[in-house]
Amino acid sequence: MIFNKLIQAGAVSIIVLISGNIFANKPVVGIGEITSSVGGNPTSFQTMLETAISQTNKFELMERSRMDDILGEQALSAGGLTEGDGQIGGLSGVDYLVYGSITKLGTKSDAVAFGGIAAGGQKAEMSVDIRVVDKSTGSIRISKTVQKQAKSGGGFAMEGLAVGGEEADPLGEVQRLTANAVAALLAMEIFPIKVINVSKGQAYVNYGPPSVAKGMYLKVVELGEGFMDPDTGEMLGQDETYIGSIKITDVKSKFSIGTILDGDIQRGAIASKMDKKKGKSAEKKYKKKCKKQKNCLSLK
């Protein structure tokens, strides 16, 4: 017998402020009030988000007590941010306002029960709509949805005895994964991944966890001329010329190291996450080539 149970689904609002004037070289991030209409403890997700943003090493965090004072003074809300000229008022030194809502937060329990014995695992899902507003104009710069899932290991229960799997709290884990993904999105939309050093067949990039993880594939590109929407004047993107690819093999707190799979990669080049299927294809070609030349580097 299969049990499907939705635990929570609703909306949680997230507000993040970014300022570039208080700390040298790094924007300052202050996380505003996080509310939930579905119960639970929003403070725990706020703590996870603070940790994730801090770990990107791209921002400084404003103290929570100071943010509470600012939000209280400004009565910050979705309906009271914009002045008549389109600018967001009352937030001196702030460059961007990032906010959004969690549209899904819940678990499904798939268990099989027979004669008082139950076994099975759980799957948690979370979906967050994120928007980044340019404080100077009030226009939306980024609008994306972040979705994550987490699964628990198989559990076993019989006559009051319960044994959990590897992930006993998938709901907590999916919130942490989502916080990491939001932090990575925030960082890499403002600061792209860059190659900071190349040595002996390896490339070093300027990100560590949670934005870059061991085993991740990166494609390295050269950015060309940008192109605009002829009607609105909005910058839609830039031409990309493929240079090569990297597989991350070692992750430090502030940077990562990877094996160059192909291409003539130079310091200062721009990188981004590569489709896993394409990355595996590049790795397969690298292995075939390096075995012939007897110069293979570690890919683990």
Protein backbone atom coordinates (compact mmCIF):
# COMPACT_ATOMS: atom_id res chain seq x y z
CA MET A 1 0.00 0.00 0.00
CA ILE A 2 1.45 3.39 -1.02
CA PHE A 3 0.96 6.44 1.17
CA ASN A 4 1.34 9.88 -0.42
CA LYS A 5 1.24 12.69 2.06
CA LEU A 6 1.69 16.34 1.31
CA ILE A 7 3.01 18.04 4.41
CA GLN A 8 3.34 21.64 3.40
CA ALA A 9 2.59 23.78 0.34
CA GLY A 10 2.32 27.52 0.27
CA ALA A 11 4.20 30.76 0.01
CA VAL A 12 7.19 32.09 1.88
CA SER A 13 8.45 35.54 1.03
CA ILE A 14 12.18 36.28 0.87
CA ILE A 15 13.72 39.73 0.82
CA VAL A 16 17.43 40.33 0.32
CA LEU A 17 19.16 43.70 0.14
CA ILE A 18 22.51 44.22 -1.55
CA SER A 19 24.68 47.25 -0.92
CA GLY A 20 28.06 48.00 -2.46
CA ASN A 21 29.20 50.90 -0.26
CA ILE A 22 29.71 49.62 3.28
CA PHE A 23 32.45 47.01 2.73
CA ALA A 24 35.34 47.40 0.27
CA ASN A 25 35.10 45.34 -2.93
CA LYS A 26 32.16 43.23 -1.76
CA PRO A 27 28.46 44.08 -1.90
CA VAL A 28 26.66 43.84 1.43
CA VAL A 29 23.70 41.50 1.72
CA GLY A 30 21.03 41.95 4.34
CA ILE A 31 18.26 39.37 4.54
CA GLY A 32 14.87 40.80 5.36
CA GLU A 33 11.95 39.18 7.11
CA ILE A 34 11.03 35.69 5.94
CA THR A 35 7.41 34.79 6.57
CA SER A 36 5.45 31.60 6.08
CA SER A 37 1.74 31.03 5.63
CA VAL A 38 2.12 27.27 6.15
CA GLY A 39 3.65 27.15 9.62
CA GLY A 40 7.08 25.75 10.36
CA ASN A 41 10.09 27.83 11.34
CA PRO A 42 11.06 30.42 8.69
CA THR A 43 14.03 31.48 10.84
CA SER A 44 15.78 28.19 10.11
CA PHE A 45 15.60 28.80 6.34
CA GLN A 46 16.86 32.35 6.89
CA THR A 47 19.86 30.96 8.77
CA MET A 48 20.54 28.49 5.95
CA LEU A 49 20.35 31.30 3.40
CA GLU A 50 22.73 33.47 5.40
CA THR A 51 25.23 30.61 5.61
CA ALA A 52 24.94 29.85 1.89
CA ILE A 53 25.42 33.49 0.85
CA SER A 54 28.41 33.83 3.17
CA GLN A 55 30.00 30.70 1.69
CA THR A 56 30.00 32.21 -1.81
CA ASN A 57 32.68 34.65 -0.56
CA LYS A 58 31.23 37.29 -2.87
CA PHE A 59 29.24 39.27 -0.30
CA GLU A 60 29.34 40.61 3.23
CA LEU A 61 26.30 39.98 5.40
CA MET A 62 24.63 42.76 7.33
CA GLU A 63 23.87 41.80 10.93
CA ARG A 64 20.33 40.53 11.40
CA SER A 65 19.62 42.96 14.24
CA ARG A 66 20.62 45.89 12.04
CA MET A 67 18.42 44.60 9.21
CA ASP A 68 15.49 44.33 11.63
CA ASP A 69 15.97 47.99 12.56
CA ILE A 70 16.09 49.08 8.91
CA LEU A 71 13.04 47.06 7.96
CA GLY A 72 11.15 48.40 10.94
CA GLU A 73 12.06 51.99 10.10
CA GLN A 74 11.16 51.70 6.43
CA ALA A 75 8.11 49.43 6.92
CA LEU A 76 9.53 47.52 4.00
CA SER A 77 6.84 45.73 2.02
CA ALA A 78 6.05 44.84 -1.58
CA GLY A 79 3.60 47.72 -1.79
CA GLY A 80 5.72 50.46 -0.22
CA LEU A 81 9.11 50.36 -1.88
CA THR A 82 8.84 52.51 -4.98
CA GLU A 83 8.98 56.29 -5.21
CA GLY A 84 7.21 58.30 -7.90
CA ASP A 85 10.26 58.34 -10.20
CA GLY A 86 10.47 54.52 -10.22
CA GLN A 87 13.37 54.38 -7.79
CA ILE A 88 13.13 52.41 -4.57
CA GLY A 89 13.14 54.92 -1.76
CA GLY A 90 14.58 54.96 1.75
CA LEU A 91 17.38 52.45 1.07
CA SER A 92 20.53 54.54 0.76
CA GLY A 93 23.48 52.66 -0.74
CA VAL A 94 21.44 49.65 -1.84
CA ASP A 95 22.02 48.50 -5.42
CA TYR A 96 19.61 45.59 -5.74
CA LEU A 97 16.56 44.24 -3.98
CA VAL A 98 16.10 40.49 -4.31
CA TYR A 99 12.79 38.97 -3.26
CA GLY A 100 10.59 36.03 -4.07
CA SER A 101 8.23 33.39 -2.79
CA ILE A 102 8.34 29.68 -2.17
CA THR A 103 5.49 28.17 -4.17
CA LYS A 104 6.04 24.57 -3.06
CA LEU A 105 7.37 23.08 0.16
CA GLY A 106 6.31 19.57 1.05
CA THR A 107 7.09 15.89 1.35
CA LYS A 108 5.68 12.71 -0.08
CA SER A 109 5.97 9.50 1.88
CA ASP A 110 6.07 6.32 -0.19
CA ALA A 111 5.79 3.47 2.27
CA VAL A 112 4.68 -0.14 2.02
CA ALA A 113 2.82 -1.57 5.02
CA PHE A 114 1.95 -5.20 5.75
CA GLY A 115 0.94 -6.77 9.03
CA GLY A 116 2.11 -3.85 11.17
CA ILE A 117 5.44 -3.55 9.36
CA ALA A 118 6.16 -0.48 7.22
CA ALA A 119 9.14 0.35 5.03
CA GLY A 120 9.91 3.14 2.60
CA GLY A 121 11.42 6.58 2.15
CA GLN A 122 10.38 10.21 1.70
CA LYS A 123 10.85 12.82 -1.00
CA ALA A 124 10.78 16.54 -0.28
CA GLU A 125 10.22 19.23 -2.92
CA MET A 126 10.74 22.97 -2.85
CA SER A 127 10.17 25.63 -5.51
CA VAL A 128 11.10 29.30 -5.14
CA ASP A 129 10.35 32.20 -7.50
CA ILE A 130 13.21 34.74 -7.26
CA ARG A 131 13.25 38.27 -8.64
CA VAL A 132 16.08 40.81 -8.56
CA VAL A 133 15.08 44.48 -8.76
CA ASP A 134 17.48 47.26 -9.73
CA LYS A 135 17.12 49.75 -6.88
CA SER A 136 18.00 52.77 -9.03
CA THR A 137 15.24 52.16 -11.59
CA GLY A 138 12.81 49.80 -9.88
CA SER A 139 13.00 47.47 -12.92
CA ILE A 140 13.31 43.67 -12.66
CA ARG A 141 16.79 42.52 -13.64
CA ILE A 142 16.44 38.78 -12.89
CA SER A 143 13.32 36.63 -12.69
CA LYS A 144 13.89 32.90 -12.22
CA THR A 145 12.48 29.85 -10.48
CA VAL A 146 14.69 27.64 -8.30
CA GLN A 147 13.49 24.06 -7.79
CA LYS A 148 15.09 21.36 -5.64
CA GLN A 149 14.30 17.86 -4.39
CA ALA A 150 15.71 15.74 -1.57
CA LYS A 151 15.14 12.07 -0.81
CA SER A 152 15.56 10.13 2.39
CA GLY A 153 17.04 6.67 2.56
CA GLY A 154 14.77 3.69 3.15
CA GLY A 155 13.18 3.59 6.59
CA PHE A 156 11.80 0.67 8.61
CA ALA A 157 9.18 0.61 11.34
CA MET A 158 7.67 -2.26 13.39
CA GLU A 159 5.75 -2.19 16.66
CA GLY A 160 7.04 1.18 17.80
CA LEU A 161 10.60 0.61 16.56
CA ALA A 162 11.68 2.99 13.78
CA VAL A 163 14.97 3.12 11.92
CA GLY A 164 15.65 6.11 9.67
CA GLY A 165 17.52 6.18 6.39
CA GLU A 166 20.56 8.21 5.42
CA GLU A 167 18.56 11.45 5.24
CA ALA A 168 16.18 11.40 8.20
CA ASP A 169 14.91 14.95 7.52
CA PRO A 170 14.38 15.44 3.77
CA LEU A 171 12.34 18.60 4.38
CA GLY A 172 15.31 20.21 6.15
CA GLU A 173 17.70 18.98 3.46
CA VAL A 174 15.62 20.35 0.59
CA GLN A 175 15.54 23.77 2.27
CA ARG A 176 19.34 23.71 2.58
CA LEU A 177 19.72 22.70 -1.08
CA THR A 178 17.35 25.49 -2.09
CA ALA A 179 19.22 28.05 0.02
CA ASN A 180 22.48 26.98 -1.65
CA ALA A 181 20.91 27.26 -5.10
CA VAL A 182 19.50 30.75 -4.37
CA ALA A 183 22.91 31.90 -3.10
CA ALA A 184 24.65 30.48 -6.18
CA LEU A 185 22.13 32.15 -8.50
CA LEU A 186 22.55 35.47 -6.71
CA ALA A 187 26.35 35.31 -6.86
CA MET A 188 26.80 34.08 -10.42
CA GLU A 189 24.25 36.46 -11.93
CA ILE A 190 26.32 39.34 -10.54
CA PHE A 191 29.82 37.79 -10.59
CA PRO A 192 30.34 35.16 -13.34
CA ILE A 193 32.70 32.24 -12.83
CA LYS A 194 36.20 33.18 -14.03
CA VAL A 195 39.39 31.24 -14.63
CA ILE A 196 41.96 32.74 -12.24
CA ASN A 197 44.95 30.50 -13.02
CA VAL A 198 46.04 27.78 -15.44
CA SER A 199 48.87 25.39 -14.62
CA LYS A 200 49.97 21.94 -15.85
CA GLY A 201 46.67 20.96 -17.42
CA GLN A 202 44.53 22.31 -14.60
CA ALA A 203 42.36 25.41 -14.34
CA TYR A 204 41.53 27.32 -11.16
CA VAL A 205 38.19 29.15 -10.87
CA ASN A 206 37.10 31.85 -8.44
CA TYR A 207 34.28 29.91 -6.74
CA GLY A 208 34.06 27.24 -4.06
CA PRO A 209 30.95 25.68 -2.52
CA PRO A 210 27.98 25.97 -2.73
CA SER A 211 28.27 27.49 -6.22
CA VAL A 212 30.82 24.99 -7.52
CA ALA A 213 30.94 21.32 -6.48
CA LYS A 214 33.35 18.45 -7.06
CA GLY A 215 32.48 16.54 -10.22
CA MET A 216 30.80 19.56 -11.86
CA TYR A 217 31.49 20.29 -15.53
CA LEU A 218 32.16 23.85 -16.67
CA LYS A 219 32.22 25.22 -20.19
CA VAL A 220 34.61 28.07 -20.92
CA VAL A 221 33.48 30.67 -23.43
CA GLU A 222 34.53 33.93 -25.01
CA LEU A 223 31.80 36.56 -24.89
CA GLY A 224 31.17 38.49 -28.07
CA GLU A 225 28.98 41.41 -29.03
CA GLY A 226 25.76 41.88 -27.11
CA PHE A 227 22.35 42.10 -28.75
CA MET A 228 19.30 44.13 -27.74
CA ASP A 229 15.56 43.99 -28.14
CA PRO A 230 14.84 46.58 -30.90
CA ASP A 231 11.55 47.57 -29.29
CA THR A 232 12.57 47.95 -25.65
CA GLY A 233 16.34 48.44 -25.83
CA GLU A 234 16.76 45.65 -23.27
CA MET A 235 20.03 43.70 -23.40
CA LEU A 236 18.99 40.14 -24.25
CA GLY A 237 22.37 38.43 -24.19
CA GLN A 238 25.77 38.05 -25.83
CA ASP A 239 27.27 35.80 -28.45
CA GLU A 240 29.31 32.95 -26.96
CA THR A 241 32.25 31.22 -28.62
CA TYR A 242 33.10 27.84 -27.08
CA ILE A 243 36.72 27.60 -25.91
CA GLY A 244 36.87 24.42 -23.86
CA SER A 245 35.66 22.52 -20.81
CA ILE A 246 36.76 21.69 -17.27
CA LYS A 247 35.83 19.00 -14.76
CA ILE A 248 36.11 20.15 -11.15
CA THR A 249 38.23 17.72 -9.11
CA ASP A 250 39.08 19.69 -5.96
CA VAL A 251 36.97 22.25 -4.10
CA LYS A 252 38.38 24.74 -1.60
CA SER A 253 36.50 27.29 0.48
CA LYS A 254 37.17 30.19 -1.90
CA PHE A 255 38.21 28.57 -5.18
CA SER A 256 38.14 25.28 -7.07
CA ILE A 257 40.55 23.31 -9.25
CA GLY A 258 39.63 21.27 -12.30
CA THR A 259 41.18 19.19 -15.06
CA ILE A 260 41.07 20.83 -18.50
CA LEU A 261 39.25 18.38 -20.76
CA ASP A 262 39.72 20.28 -24.01
CA GLY A 263 40.50 23.69 -25.44
CA ASP A 264 43.12 26.39 -25.02
CA ILE A 265 41.89 27.91 -21.74
CA GLN A 266 43.53 31.10 -20.51
CA ARG A 267 43.40 33.09 -17.30
CA GLY A 268 40.51 35.55 -17.20
CA ALA A 269 38.17 33.43 -19.32
CA ILE A 270 34.47 33.22 -18.40
CA ALA A 271 32.96 29.88 -17.40
CA SER A 272 29.48 28.56 -16.67
CA LYS A 273 27.85 25.28 -15.71
CA MET A 274 27.90 22.71 -18.50
CA ASP A 275 25.20 20.21 -19.36
CA LYS A 276 26.13 16.93 -17.64
CA LYS A 277 25.66 14.87 -20.79
CA LYS A 278 27.95 17.14 -22.80
CA GLY A 279 30.45 17.14 -19.94
CA LYS A 280 30.60 13.34 -19.86
CA SER A 281 31.11 13.30 -23.62
CA ALA A 282 34.04 15.73 -23.28
CA GLU A 283 35.49 13.61 -20.45
CA LYS A 284 35.27 10.45 -22.58
CA LYS A 285 37.17 12.15 -25.42
CA TYR A 286 39.77 13.45 -22.95
CA LYS A 287 40.39 9.96 -21.54
CA LYS A 288 40.84 8.50 -25.01
CA LYS A 289 43.28 11.23 -26.02
CA CYS A 290 45.33 11.36 -22.81
CA LYS A 291 45.76 7.58 -22.68
CA LYS A 292 47.43 7.68 -26.08
CA GLN A 293 49.68 10.52 -24.94
CA LYS A 294 50.19 8.96 -21.48
CA ASN A 295 49.56 12.24 -19.68
CA CYS A 296 46.16 11.75 -17.99
CA LEU A 297 45.34 13.86 -14.94
CA SER A 298 42.96 12.88 -12.16
CA LEU A 299 39.25 13.19 -12.92
CA LYS A 300 38.03 12.11 -9.47
